[in-house]
């Protein structure tokens, strides 16, 4: 759900920028001056799991022996209630299937709190 929202926001911003650019170009062409033709190169956005990499602090680590989701998220300030809700909502993945030696990634906000936004296993 958050991935779709983020993608929608990125598409909306891009559409607004294109609209503003087109409007400014048409207003310039009504003058007696030569229109300026600019070429914009679209910079590809690097994505991981559908998330823009440059928008997050990404930490990759291994699941350690006897480590579970709460051992990973609680030290980062995620409440026990939130962890419990994640664990109970096993429609996507049953957290009891997490095994030591496998990798996970944390996508944290790029702010002073660096709070976890996404967890990828």
PDB file of N, CA and C in Angstrom:
ATOM      1  N   UNK A   1       0.826  -1.184   0.000  1.00  0.00           N
ATOM      2  CA  UNK A   1       0.000   0.000   0.000  1.00  0.00           C
ATOM      3  C   UNK A   1       0.874   1.253   0.000  1.00  0.00           C
ATOM      4  N   UNK A   2       1.922   1.286   0.837  1.00  0.00           N
ATOM      5  CA  UNK A   2       2.812   2.441   0.902  1.00  0.00           C
ATOM      6  C   UNK A   2       3.603   2.571  -0.400  1.00  0.00           C
ATOM      7  N   UNK A   3       3.940   1.425  -1.021  1.00  0.00           N
ATOM      8  CA  UNK A   3       4.680   1.458  -2.276  1.00  0.00           C
ATOM      9  C   UNK A   3       3.839   2.122  -3.354  1.00  0.00           C
ATOM     10  N   UNK A   4       2.558   1.786  -3.421  1.00  0.00           N
ATOM     11  CA  UNK A   4       1.673   2.364  -4.422  1.00  0.00           C
ATOM     12  C   UNK A   4       1.498   3.855  -4.172  1.00  0.00           C
ATOM     13  N   UNK A   5       1.384   4.249  -2.912  1.00  0.00           N
ATOM     14  CA  UNK A   5       1.234   5.654  -2.575  1.00  0.00           C
ATOM     15  C   UNK A   5       2.474   6.436  -2.971  1.00  0.00           C
ATOM     16  N   UNK A   6       3.642   5.887  -2.675  1.00  0.00           N
ATOM     17  CA  UNK A   6       4.904   6.543  -3.008  1.00  0.00           C
ATOM     18  C   UNK A   6       5.040   6.683  -4.519  1.00  0.00           C
ATOM     19  N   UNK A   7       4.712   5.636  -5.256  1.00  0.00           N
ATOM     20  CA  UNK A   7       4.781   5.675  -6.709  1.00  0.00           C
ATOM     21  C   UNK A   7       3.795   6.700  -7.259  1.00  0.00           C
ATOM     22  N   UNK A   8       2.603   6.778  -6.687  1.00  0.00           N
ATOM     23  CA  UNK A   8       1.595   7.753  -7.127  1.00  0.00           C
ATOM     24  C   UNK A   8       2.087   9.174  -6.896  1.00  0.00           C
ATOM     25  N   UNK A   9       2.735   9.402  -5.764  1.00  0.00           N
ATOM     26  CA  UNK A   9       3.262  10.734  -5.457  1.00  0.00           C
ATOM     27  C   UNK A   9       4.346  11.119  -6.457  1.00  0.00           C
ATOM     28  N   UNK A  10       5.242  10.199  -6.766  1.00  0.00           N
ATOM     29  CA  UNK A  10       6.331  10.470  -7.710  1.00  0.00           C
ATOM     30  C   UNK A  10       5.753  10.780  -9.091  1.00  0.00           C
ATOM     31  N   UNK A  11       4.771  10.004  -9.523  1.00  0.00           N
ATOM     32  CA  UNK A  11       4.155  10.239 -10.827  1.00  0.00           C
ATOM     33  C   UNK A  11       3.438  11.585 -10.844  1.00  0.00           C
ATOM     34  N   UNK A  12       2.747  11.926  -9.758  1.00  0.00           N
ATOM     35  CA  UNK A  12       2.031  13.200  -9.689  1.00  0.00           C
ATOM     36  C   UNK A  12       2.997  14.374  -9.765  1.00  0.00           C
ATOM     37  N   UNK A  13       4.093  14.298  -9.041  1.00  0.00           N
ATOM     38  CA  UNK A  13       5.086  15.386  -9.059  1.00  0.00           C
ATOM     39  C   UNK A  13       5.668  15.547 -10.453  1.00  0.00           C
ATOM     40  N   UNK A  14       5.974  14.425 -11.105  1.00  0.00           N
ATOM     41  CA  UNK A  14       6.519  14.464 -12.459  1.00  0.00           C
ATOM     42  C   UNK A  14       5.518  15.109 -13.418  1.00  0.00           C
ATOM     43  N   UNK A  15       4.239  14.744 -13.294  1.00  0.00           N
ATOM     44  CA  UNK A  15       3.211  15.309 -14.167  1.00  0.00           C
ATOM     45  C   UNK A  15       3.077  16.815 -13.941  1.00  0.00           C
ATOM     46  N   UNK A  16       3.120  17.253 -12.697  1.00  0.00           N
ATOM     47  CA  UNK A  16       3.016  18.686 -12.390  1.00  0.00           C
ATOM     48  C   UNK A  16       4.199  19.443 -12.974  1.00  0.00           C
ATOM     49  N   UNK A  17       5.391  18.889 -12.832  1.00  0.00           N
ATOM     50  CA  UNK A  17       6.581  19.548 -13.385  1.00  0.00           C
ATOM     51  C   UNK A  17       6.496  19.654 -14.902  1.00  0.00           C
ATOM     52  N   UNK A  18       6.016  18.604 -15.561  1.00  0.00           N
ATOM     53  CA  UNK A  18       5.862  18.652 -17.017  1.00  0.00           C
ATOM     54  C   UNK A  18       4.831  19.700 -17.419  1.00  0.00           C
ATOM     55  N   UNK A  19       3.726  19.793 -16.682  1.00  0.00           N
ATOM     56  CA  UNK A  19       2.681  20.765 -16.975  1.00  0.00           C
ATOM     57  C   UNK A  19       3.212  22.186 -16.826  1.00  0.00           C
ATOM     58  N   UNK A  20       3.933  22.439 -15.744  1.00  0.00           N
ATOM     59  CA  UNK A  20       4.499  23.771 -15.519  1.00  0.00           C
ATOM     60  C   UNK A  20       5.503  24.117 -16.612  1.00  0.00           C
ATOM     61  N   UNK A  21       6.319  23.160 -17.013  1.00  0.00           N
ATOM     62  CA  UNK A  21       7.309  23.378 -18.068  1.00  0.00           C
ATOM     63  C   UNK A  21       6.624  23.685 -19.392  1.00  0.00           C
ATOM     64  N   UNK A  22       5.585  22.943 -19.711  1.00  0.00           N
ATOM     65  CA  UNK A  22       4.860  23.175 -20.967  1.00  0.00           C
ATOM     66  C   UNK A  22       4.198  24.542 -20.967  1.00  0.00           C
ATOM     67  N   UNK A  23       3.608  24.943 -19.853  1.00  0.00           N
ATOM     68  CA  UNK A  23       2.939  26.239 -19.774  1.00  0.00           C
ATOM     69  C   UNK A  23       3.934  27.385 -19.899  1.00  0.00           C
ATOM     70  N   UNK A  24       5.104  27.233 -19.274  1.00  0.00           N
ATOM     71  CA  UNK A  24       6.096  28.303 -19.368  1.00  0.00           C
ATOM     72  C   UNK A  24       6.650  28.393 -20.783  1.00  0.00           C
ATOM     73  N   UNK A  25       6.773  27.277 -21.486  1.00  0.00           N
ATOM     74  CA  UNK A  25       7.259  27.288 -22.861  1.00  0.00           C
ATOM     75  C   UNK A  25       6.244  27.936 -23.792  1.00  0.00           C
ATOM     76  N   UNK A  26       4.949  27.708 -23.593  1.00  0.00           N
ATOM     77  CA  UNK A  26       3.937  28.317 -24.462  1.00  0.00           C
ATOM     78  C   UNK A  26       3.842  29.813 -24.214  1.00  0.00           C
ATOM     79  N   UNK A  27       4.037  30.250 -22.979  1.00  0.00           N
ATOM     80  CA  UNK A  27       3.994  31.683 -22.706  1.00  0.00           C
ATOM     81  C   UNK A  27       5.215  32.376 -23.301  1.00  0.00           C
ATOM     82  N   UNK A  28       6.336  31.712 -23.385  1.00  0.00           N
ATOM     83  CA  UNK A  28       7.531  32.287 -23.984  1.00  0.00           C
ATOM     84  C   UNK A  28       7.388  32.390 -25.493  1.00  0.00           C
ATOM     85  N   UNK A  29       6.710  31.441 -26.105  1.00  0.00           N
ATOM     86  CA  UNK A  29       6.614  31.423 -27.555  1.00  0.00           C
ATOM     87  C   UNK A  29       5.688  32.519 -28.084  1.00  0.00           C
ATOM     88  N   UNK A  30       4.844  33.140 -27.258  1.00  0.00           N
ATOM     89  CA  UNK A  30       3.977  34.220 -27.711  1.00  0.00           C
ATOM     90  C   UNK A  30       4.757  35.514 -27.890  1.00  0.00           C
ATOM     91  N   UNK A  31       5.918  35.612 -27.269  1.00  0.00           N
ATOM     92  CA  UNK A  31       6.770  36.775 -27.472  1.00  0.00           C
ATOM     93  C   UNK A  31       7.369  36.714 -28.868  1.00  0.00           C
ATOM     94  N   UNK A  32       7.981  37.802 -29.298  1.00  0.00           N
ATOM     95  CA  UNK A  32       8.627  37.851 -30.606  1.00  0.00           C
ATOM     96  C   UNK A  32      10.008  37.223 -30.583  1.00  0.00           C
ATOM     97  N   UNK A  33      10.396  36.688 -29.479  1.00  0.00           N
ATOM     98  CA  UNK A  33      11.718  36.082 -29.362  1.00  0.00           C
ATOM     99  C   UNK A  33      11.686  34.664 -29.897  1.00  0.00           C
ATOM    100  N   UNK A  34      12.850  34.166 -30.234  1.00  0.00           N
ATOM    101  CA  UNK A  34      12.984  32.772 -30.661  1.00  0.00           C
ATOM    102  C   UNK A  34      12.691  31.861 -29.476  1.00  0.00           C
ATOM    103  N   UNK A  35      11.886  30.811 -29.686  1.00  0.00           N
ATOM    104  CA  UNK A  35      11.644  29.878 -28.571  1.00  0.00           C
ATOM    105  C   UNK A  35      12.921  29.120 -28.220  1.00  0.00           C
ATOM    106  N   UNK A  36      13.058  28.863 -26.972  1.00  0.00           N
ATOM    107  CA  UNK A  36      14.220  28.113 -26.494  1.00  0.00           C
ATOM    108  C   UNK A  36      13.838  26.647 -26.446  1.00  0.00           C
ATOM    109  N   UNK A  37      14.621  25.845 -27.095  1.00  0.00           N
ATOM    110  CA  UNK A  37      14.370  24.402 -27.103  1.00  0.00           C
ATOM    111  C   UNK A  37      15.355  23.755 -26.144  1.00  0.00           C
ATOM    112  N   UNK A  38      14.820  23.188 -25.103  1.00  0.00           N
ATOM    113  CA  UNK A  38      15.656  22.530 -24.109  1.00  0.00           C
ATOM    114  C   UNK A  38      15.401  21.039 -24.152  1.00  0.00           C
ATOM    115  N   UNK A  39      16.445  20.310 -23.950  1.00  0.00           N
ATOM    116  CA  UNK A  39      16.325  18.856 -23.904  1.00  0.00           C
ATOM    117  C   UNK A  39      16.602  18.428 -22.467  1.00  0.00           C
ATOM    118  N   UNK A  40      15.627  17.728 -21.901  1.00  0.00           N
ATOM    119  CA  UNK A  40      15.779  17.236 -20.538  1.00  0.00           C
ATOM    120  C   UNK A  40      16.086  15.760 -20.579  1.00  0.00           C
ATOM    121  N   UNK A  41      17.109  15.386 -19.865  1.00  0.00           N
ATOM    122  CA  UNK A  41      17.456  13.980 -19.766  1.00  0.00           C
ATOM    123  C   UNK A  41      16.852  13.443 -18.479  1.00  0.00           C
ATOM    124  N   UNK A  42      16.031  12.430 -18.626  1.00  0.00           N
ATOM    125  CA  UNK A  42      15.396  11.846 -17.452  1.00  0.00           C
ATOM    126  C   UNK A  42      16.398  10.943 -16.744  1.00  0.00           C
ATOM    127  N   UNK A  43      16.632  11.250 -15.491  1.00  0.00           N
ATOM    128  CA  UNK A  43      17.566  10.463 -14.701  1.00  0.00           C
ATOM    129  C   UNK A  43      16.802   9.291 -14.102  1.00  0.00           C
ATOM    130  N   UNK A  44      17.237   8.078 -14.410  1.00  0.00           N
ATOM    131  CA  UNK A  44      16.508   6.922 -13.869  1.00  0.00           C
ATOM    132  C   UNK A  44      16.659   6.854 -12.346  1.00  0.00           C
ATOM    133  N   UNK A  45      15.572   6.487 -11.701  1.00  0.00           N
ATOM    134  CA  UNK A  45      15.570   6.351 -10.247  1.00  0.00           C
ATOM    135  C   UNK A  45      15.847   4.894  -9.913  1.00  0.00           C
ATOM    136  N   UNK A  46      16.871   4.676  -9.108  1.00  0.00           N
ATOM    137  CA  UNK A  46      17.202   3.310  -8.701  1.00  0.00           C
ATOM    138  C   UNK A  46      16.204   2.845  -7.644  1.00  0.00           C
ATOM    139  N   UNK A  47      15.593   1.708  -7.908  1.00  0.00           N
ATOM    140  CA  UNK A  47      14.592   1.156  -7.003  1.00  0.00           C
ATOM    141  C   UNK A  47      15.048  -0.180  -6.445  1.00  0.00           C
ATOM    142  N   UNK A  48      14.676  -0.436  -5.209  1.00  0.00           N
ATOM    143  CA  UNK A  48      14.819  -1.750  -4.591  1.00  0.00           C
ATOM    144  C   UNK A  48      13.476  -2.065  -3.956  1.00  0.00           C
ATOM    145  N   UNK A  49      12.891  -3.181  -4.355  1.00  0.00           N
ATOM    146  CA  UNK A  49      11.575  -3.582  -3.860  1.00  0.00           C
ATOM    147  C   UNK A  49      10.532  -2.504  -4.131  1.00  0.00           C
ATOM    148  N   UNK A  50      10.721  -1.758  -5.212  1.00  0.00           N
ATOM    149  CA  UNK A  50       9.786  -0.701  -5.569  1.00  0.00           C
ATOM    150  C   UNK A  50       9.976   0.590  -4.798  1.00  0.00           C
ATOM    151  N   UNK A  51      11.034   0.694  -4.013  1.00  0.00           N
ATOM    152  CA  UNK A  51      11.304   1.888  -3.201  1.00  0.00           C
ATOM    153  C   UNK A  51      12.504   2.636  -3.773  1.00  0.00           C
ATOM    154  N   UNK A  52      12.428   3.974  -3.865  1.00  0.00           N
ATOM    155  CA  UNK A  52      13.575   4.732  -4.366  1.00  0.00           C
ATOM    156  C   UNK A  52      14.720   4.710  -3.357  1.00  0.00           C
ATOM    157  N   UNK A  53      15.847   4.192  -3.788  1.00  0.00           N
ATOM    158  CA  UNK A  53      17.002   3.977  -2.904  1.00  0.00           C
ATOM    159  C   UNK A  53      17.507   5.280  -2.302  1.00  0.00           C
ATOM    160  N   UNK A  54      17.497   6.358  -3.069  1.00  0.00           N
ATOM    161  CA  UNK A  54      18.059   7.612  -2.577  1.00  0.00           C
ATOM    162  C   UNK A  54      17.187   8.301  -1.526  1.00  0.00           C
ATOM    163  N   UNK A  55      15.998   7.773  -1.268  1.00  0.00           N
ATOM    164  CA  UNK A  55      15.100   8.381  -0.285  1.00  0.00           C
ATOM    165  C   UNK A  55      15.227   7.791   1.116  1.00  0.00           C
ATOM    166  N   UNK A  56      16.054   6.763   1.265  1.00  0.00           N
ATOM    167  CA  UNK A  56      16.135   6.061   2.540  1.00  0.00           C
ATOM    168  C   UNK A  56      17.576   5.783   2.933  1.00  0.00           C
ATOM    169  N   UNK A  57      17.775   5.612   4.234  1.00  0.00           N
ATOM    170  CA  UNK A  57      19.021   5.030   4.744  1.00  0.00           C
ATOM    171  C   UNK A  57      18.772   3.528   4.775  1.00  0.00           C
ATOM    172  N   UNK A  58      19.586   2.769   4.078  1.00  0.00           N
ATOM    173  CA  UNK A  58      19.348   1.334   3.958  1.00  0.00           C
ATOM    174  C   UNK A  58      20.418   0.584   4.746  1.00  0.00           C
ATOM    175  N   UNK A  59      19.956  -0.303   5.613  1.00  0.00           N
ATOM    176  CA  UNK A  59      20.840  -1.146   6.399  1.00  0.00           C
ATOM    177  C   UNK A  59      20.561  -2.591   6.030  1.00  0.00           C
ATOM    178  N   UNK A  60      21.596  -3.333   5.707  1.00  0.00           N
ATOM    179  CA  UNK A  60      21.457  -4.754   5.403  1.00  0.00           C
ATOM    180  C   UNK A  60      22.221  -5.547   6.456  1.00  0.00           C
ATOM    181  N   UNK A  61      21.600  -6.611   6.967  1.00  0.00           N
ATOM    182  CA  UNK A  61      22.232  -7.421   8.009  1.00  0.00           C
ATOM    183  C   UNK A  61      21.722  -8.846   7.909  1.00  0.00           C
ATOM    184  N   UNK A  62      22.313  -9.725   8.702  1.00  0.00           N
ATOM    185  CA  UNK A  62      21.901 -11.128   8.756  1.00  0.00           C
ATOM    186  C   UNK A  62      21.062 -11.379  10.002  1.00  0.00           C
ATOM    187  N   UNK A  63      20.104 -12.283   9.870  1.00  0.00           N
ATOM    188  CA  UNK A  63      19.354 -12.736  11.038  1.00  0.00           C
ATOM    189  C   UNK A  63      20.316 -13.594  11.859  1.00  0.00           C
ATOM    190  N   UNK A  64      20.457 -13.246  13.110  1.00  0.00           N
ATOM    191  CA  UNK A  64      21.354 -14.001  13.984  1.00  0.00           C
ATOM    192  C   UNK A  64      20.601 -15.142  14.663  1.00  0.00           C
ATOM    193  N   UNK A  65      21.332 -16.056  15.230  1.00  0.00           N
ATOM    194  CA  UNK A  65      20.735 -17.205  15.906  1.00  0.00           C
ATOM    195  C   UNK A  65      19.802 -16.733  17.023  1.00  0.00           C
ATOM    196  N   UNK A  66      18.612 -17.303  17.071  1.00  0.00           N
ATOM    197  CA  UNK A  66      17.572 -16.991  18.056  1.00  0.00           C
ATOM    198  C   UNK A  66      17.072 -15.544  17.987  1.00  0.00           C
ATOM    199  N   UNK A  67      17.327 -14.862  16.887  1.00  0.00           N
ATOM    200  CA  UNK A  67      16.867 -13.490  16.724  1.00  0.00           C
ATOM    201  C   UNK A  67      15.496 -13.497  16.031  1.00  0.00           C
ATOM    202  N   UNK A  68      14.607 -12.655  16.480  1.00  0.00           N
ATOM    203  CA  UNK A  68      13.304 -12.549  15.839  1.00  0.00           C
ATOM    204  C   UNK A  68      13.036 -11.086  15.490  1.00  0.00           C
ATOM    205  N   UNK A  69      11.856 -10.830  14.960  1.00  0.00           N
ATOM    206  CA  UNK A  69      11.522  -9.487  14.487  1.00  0.00           C
ATOM    207  C   UNK A  69      11.615  -8.441  15.598  1.00  0.00           C
ATOM    208  N   UNK A  70      11.178  -8.777  16.789  1.00  0.00           N
ATOM    209  CA  UNK A  70      11.229  -7.797  17.878  1.00  0.00           C
ATOM    210  C   UNK A  70      12.665  -7.479  18.284  1.00  0.00           C
ATOM    211  N   UNK A  71      13.579  -8.456  18.188  1.00  0.00           N
ATOM    212  CA  UNK A  71      14.991  -8.195  18.498  1.00  0.00           C
ATOM    213  C   UNK A  71      15.590  -7.192  17.514  1.00  0.00           C
ATOM    214  N   UNK A  72      15.065  -7.182  16.291  1.00  0.00           N
ATOM    215  CA  UNK A  72      15.588  -6.279  15.267  1.00  0.00           C
ATOM    216  C   UNK A  72      14.956  -4.892  15.375  1.00  0.00           C
ATOM    217  N   UNK A  73      13.634  -4.849  15.541  1.00  0.00           N
ATOM    218  CA  UNK A  73      12.925  -3.572  15.462  1.00  0.00           C
ATOM    219  C   UNK A  73      12.831  -2.812  16.780  1.00  0.00           C
ATOM    220  N   UNK A  74      12.765  -3.489  17.901  1.00  0.00           N
ATOM    221  CA  UNK A  74      12.609  -2.803  19.191  1.00  0.00           C
ATOM    222  C   UNK A  74      13.757  -1.819  19.479  1.00  0.00           C
ATOM    223  N   UNK A  75      15.025  -2.176  19.252  1.00  0.00           N
ATOM    224  CA  UNK A  75      16.100  -1.207  19.515  1.00  0.00           C
ATOM    225  C   UNK A  75      16.037   0.044  18.625  1.00  0.00           C
ATOM    226  N   UNK A  76      15.271  -0.035  17.533  1.00  0.00           N
ATOM    227  CA  UNK A  76      15.130   1.105  16.631  1.00  0.00           C
ATOM    228  C   UNK A  76      13.937   1.985  16.987  1.00  0.00           C
ATOM    229  N   UNK A  77      13.278   1.675  18.102  1.00  0.00           N
ATOM    230  CA  UNK A  77      12.183   2.504  18.574  1.00  0.00           C
ATOM    231  C   UNK A  77      10.801   2.075  18.114  1.00  0.00           C
ATOM    232  N   UNK A  78      10.689   0.913  17.481  1.00  0.00           N
ATOM    233  CA  UNK A  78       9.378   0.423  17.061  1.00  0.00           C
ATOM    234  C   UNK A  78       8.692  -0.156  18.291  1.00  0.00           C
ATOM    235  N   UNK A  79       7.460   0.253  18.533  1.00  0.00           N
ATOM    236  CA  UNK A  79       6.754  -0.179  19.739  1.00  0.00           C
ATOM    237  C   UNK A  79       6.403  -1.664  19.688  1.00  0.00           C
ATOM    238  N   UNK A  80       6.241  -2.239  20.869  1.00  0.00           N
ATOM    239  CA  UNK A  80       5.863  -3.655  20.969  1.00  0.00           C
ATOM    240  C   UNK A  80       4.503  -3.883  20.318  1.00  0.00           C
ATOM    241  N   UNK A  81       3.615  -2.911  20.420  1.00  0.00           N
ATOM    242  CA  UNK A  81       2.284  -3.025  19.807  1.00  0.00           C
ATOM    243  C   UNK A  81       2.394  -3.118  18.287  1.00  0.00           C
ATOM    244  N   UNK A  82       3.228  -2.285  17.694  1.00  0.00           N
ATOM    245  CA  UNK A  82       3.418  -2.302  16.240  1.00  0.00           C
ATOM    246  C   UNK A  82       4.044  -3.611  15.790  1.00  0.00           C
ATOM    247  N   UNK A  83       5.041  -4.069  16.523  1.00  0.00           N
ATOM    248  CA  UNK A  83       5.693  -5.342  16.180  1.00  0.00           C
ATOM    249  C   UNK A  83       4.688  -6.479  16.261  1.00  0.00           C
ATOM    250  N   UNK A  84       3.845  -6.456  17.275  1.00  0.00           N
ATOM    251  CA  UNK A  84       2.819  -7.485  17.424  1.00  0.00           C
ATOM    252  C   UNK A  84       1.832  -7.446  16.253  1.00  0.00           C
ATOM    253  N   UNK A  85       1.436  -6.253  15.833  1.00  0.00           N
ATOM    254  CA  UNK A  85       0.530  -6.121  14.693  1.00  0.00           C
ATOM    255  C   UNK A  85       1.155  -6.669  13.412  1.00  0.00           C
ATOM    256  N   UNK A  86       2.435  -6.398  13.220  1.00  0.00           N
ATOM    257  CA  UNK A  86       3.135  -6.921  12.045  1.00  0.00           C
ATOM    258  C   UNK A  86       3.175  -8.446  12.094  1.00  0.00           C
ATOM    259  N   UNK A  87       3.501  -8.977  13.261  1.00  0.00           N
ATOM    260  CA  UNK A  87       3.616 -10.437  13.413  1.00  0.00           C
ATOM    261  C   UNK A  87       2.271 -11.135  13.220  1.00  0.00           C
ATOM    262  N   UNK A  88       1.201 -10.506  13.669  1.00  0.00           N
ATOM    263  CA  UNK A  88      -0.132 -11.120  13.537  1.00  0.00           C
ATOM    264  C   UNK A  88      -0.672 -11.038  12.120  1.00  0.00           C
ATOM    265  N   UNK A  89      -0.254 -10.040  11.372  1.00  0.00           N
ATOM    266  CA  UNK A  89      -0.711  -9.878   9.995  1.00  0.00           C
ATOM    267  C   UNK A  89       0.199 -10.688   9.073  1.00  0.00           C
ATOM    268  N   UNK A  90      -0.044 -11.979   8.998  1.00  0.00           N
ATOM    269  CA  UNK A  90       0.832 -12.858   8.226  1.00  0.00           C
ATOM    270  C   UNK A  90       0.285 -13.166   6.836  1.00  0.00           C
ATOM    271  N   UNK A  91      -0.480 -12.212   6.258  1.00  0.00           N
ATOM    272  CA  UNK A  91      -0.980 -12.399   4.897  1.00  0.00           C
ATOM    273  C   UNK A  91       0.166 -12.413   3.885  1.00  0.00           C
ATOM    274  N   UNK A  92       1.169 -11.564   4.094  1.00  0.00           N
ATOM    275  CA  UNK A  92       2.297 -11.514   3.183  1.00  0.00           C
ATOM    276  C   UNK A  92       3.395 -12.496   3.570  1.00  0.00           C
ATOM    277  N   UNK A  93       3.691 -12.544   4.852  1.00  0.00           N
ATOM    278  CA  UNK A  93       4.775 -13.412   5.304  1.00  0.00           C
ATOM    279  C   UNK A  93       4.595 -13.718   6.786  1.00  0.00           C
ATOM    280  N   UNK A  94       4.787 -14.970   7.134  1.00  0.00           N
ATOM    281  CA  UNK A  94       4.722 -15.399   8.531  1.00  0.00           C
ATOM    282  C   UNK A  94       6.106 -15.197   9.137  1.00  0.00           C
ATOM    283  N   UNK A  95       6.223 -14.252  10.087  1.00  0.00           N
ATOM    284  CA  UNK A  95       7.531 -13.912  10.659  1.00  0.00           C
ATOM    285  C   UNK A  95       8.165 -15.083  11.410  1.00  0.00           C
ATOM    286  N   UNK A  96       7.385 -16.097  11.718  1.00  0.00           N
ATOM    287  CA  UNK A  96       7.955 -17.276  12.380  1.00  0.00           C
ATOM    288  C   UNK A  96       8.833 -18.080  11.422  1.00  0.00           C
ATOM    289  N   UNK A  97       8.760 -17.754  10.136  1.00  0.00           N
ATOM    290  CA  UNK A  97       9.574 -18.438   9.130  1.00  0.00           C
ATOM    291  C   UNK A  97      10.956 -17.801   8.949  1.00  0.00           C
ATOM    292  N   UNK A  98      11.225 -16.743   9.678  1.00  0.00           N
ATOM    293  CA  UNK A  98      12.547 -16.098   9.587  1.00  0.00           C
ATOM    294  C   UNK A  98      13.601 -17.045  10.139  1.00  0.00           C
ATOM    295  N   UNK A  99      14.689 -17.221   9.408  1.00  0.00           N
ATOM    296  CA  UNK A  99      15.742 -18.162   9.784  1.00  0.00           C
ATOM    297  C   UNK A  99      17.085 -17.457   9.895  1.00  0.00           C
ATOM    298  N   UNK A 100      17.890 -17.905  10.845  1.00  0.00           N
ATOM    299  CA  UNK A 100      19.216 -17.321  11.028  1.00  0.00           C
ATOM    300  C   UNK A 100      20.059 -17.568   9.782  1.00  0.00           C
ATOM    301  N   UNK A 101      20.900 -16.586   9.497  1.00  0.00           N
ATOM    302  CA  UNK A 101      21.764 -16.662   8.326  1.00  0.00           C
ATOM    303  C   UNK A 101      21.179 -15.986   7.096  1.00  0.00           C
ATOM    304  N   UNK A 102      19.879 -15.745   7.085  1.00  0.00           N
ATOM    305  CA  UNK A 102      19.256 -15.041   5.963  1.00  0.00           C
ATOM    306  C   UNK A 102      19.398 -13.535   6.158  1.00  0.00           C
ATOM    307  N   UNK A 103      19.396 -12.811   5.046  1.00  0.00           N
ATOM    308  CA  UNK A 103      19.581 -11.362   5.124  1.00  0.00           C
ATOM    309  C   UNK A 103      18.241 -10.626   5.200  1.00  0.00           C
ATOM    310  N   UNK A 104      18.306  -9.437   5.755  1.00  0.00           N
ATOM    311  CA  UNK A 104      17.164  -8.528   5.772  1.00  0.00           C
ATOM    312  C   UNK A 104      17.676  -7.123   5.498  1.00  0.00           C
ATOM    313  N   UNK A 105      16.777  -6.264   5.060  1.00  0.00           N
ATOM    314  CA  UNK A 105      17.113  -4.860   4.837  1.00  0.00           C
ATOM    315  C   UNK A 105      16.110  -3.994   5.575  1.00  0.00           C
ATOM    316  N   UNK A 106      16.631  -2.946   6.173  1.00  0.00           N
ATOM    317  CA  UNK A 106      15.808  -1.931   6.818  1.00  0.00           C
ATOM    318  C   UNK A 106      15.900  -0.654   6.002  1.00  0.00           C
ATOM    319  N   UNK A 107      14.768  -0.105   5.643  1.00  0.00           N
ATOM    320  CA  UNK A 107      14.700   1.178   4.954  1.00  0.00           C
ATOM    321  C   UNK A 107      14.240   2.191   5.993  1.00  0.00           C
ATOM    322  N   UNK A 108      15.176   3.076   6.378  1.00  0.00           N
ATOM    323  CA  UNK A 108      14.883   4.043   7.434  1.00  0.00           C
ATOM    324  C   UNK A 108      14.801   5.450   6.854  1.00  0.00           C
ATOM    325  N   UNK A 109      14.021   6.289   7.515  1.00  0.00           N
ATOM    326  CA  UNK A 109      13.831   7.670   7.073  1.00  0.00           C
ATOM    327  C   UNK A 109      15.158   8.424   7.112  1.00  0.00           C
ATOM    328  N   UNK A 110      15.324   9.330   6.152  1.00  0.00           N
ATOM    329  CA  UNK A 110      16.531  10.160   6.112  1.00  0.00           C
ATOM    330  C   UNK A 110      16.292  11.436   6.913  1.00  0.00           C
ATOM    331  N   UNK A 111      16.061  11.270   8.193  1.00  0.00           N
ATOM    332  CA  UNK A 111      15.915  12.418   9.071  1.00  0.00           C
ATOM    333  C   UNK A 111      16.691  12.155  10.353  1.00  0.00           C
ATOM    334  N   UNK A 112      16.568  13.032  11.304  1.00  0.00           N
ATOM    335  CA  UNK A 112      17.353  12.887  12.531  1.00  0.00           C
ATOM    336  C   UNK A 112      16.931  11.665  13.350  1.00  0.00           C
ATOM    337  N   UNK A 113      15.696  11.206  13.207  1.00  0.00           N
ATOM    338  CA  UNK A 113      15.234  10.034  13.955  1.00  0.00           C
ATOM    339  C   UNK A 113      15.625   8.725  13.288  1.00  0.00           C
ATOM    340  N   UNK A 114      15.751   8.742  11.962  1.00  0.00           N
ATOM    341  CA  UNK A 114      16.066   7.530  11.182  1.00  0.00           C
ATOM    342  C   UNK A 114      15.134   6.376  11.562  1.00  0.00           C
ATOM    343  N   UNK A 115      13.858   6.687  11.668  1.00  0.00           N
ATOM    344  CA  UNK A 115      12.883   5.665  12.066  1.00  0.00           C
ATOM    345  C   UNK A 115      12.659   4.676  10.925  1.00  0.00           C
ATOM    346  N   UNK A 116      12.473   3.411  11.254  1.00  0.00           N
ATOM    347  CA  UNK A 116      12.242   2.379  10.235  1.00  0.00           C
ATOM    348  C   UNK A 116      10.933   2.629   9.490  1.00  0.00           C
ATOM    349  N   UNK A 117      10.996   2.568   8.179  1.00  0.00           N
ATOM    350  CA  UNK A 117       9.811   2.753   7.336  1.00  0.00           C
ATOM    351  C   UNK A 117       9.385   1.421   6.714  1.00  0.00           C
ATOM    352  N   UNK A 118      10.380   0.646   6.258  1.00  0.00           N
ATOM    353  CA  UNK A 118      10.107  -0.642   5.612  1.00  0.00           C
ATOM    354  C   UNK A 118      11.118  -1.673   6.079  1.00  0.00           C
ATOM    355  N   UNK A 119      10.650  -2.912   6.148  1.00  0.00           N
ATOM    356  CA  UNK A 119      11.510  -4.037   6.514  1.00  0.00           C
ATOM    357  C   UNK A 119      11.374  -5.063   5.404  1.00  0.00           C
ATOM    358  N   UNK A 120      12.499  -5.474   4.854  1.00  0.00           N
ATOM    359  CA  UNK A 120      12.490  -6.439   3.759  1.00  0.00           C
ATOM    360  C   UNK A 120      13.274  -7.676   4.186  1.00  0.00           C
ATOM    361  N   UNK A 121      12.658  -8.853   4.050  1.00  0.00           N
ATOM    362  CA  UNK A 121      13.319 -10.106   4.405  1.00  0.00           C
ATOM    363  C   UNK A 121      13.346 -10.988   3.194  1.00  0.00           C
TER     364      UNK A 121
END
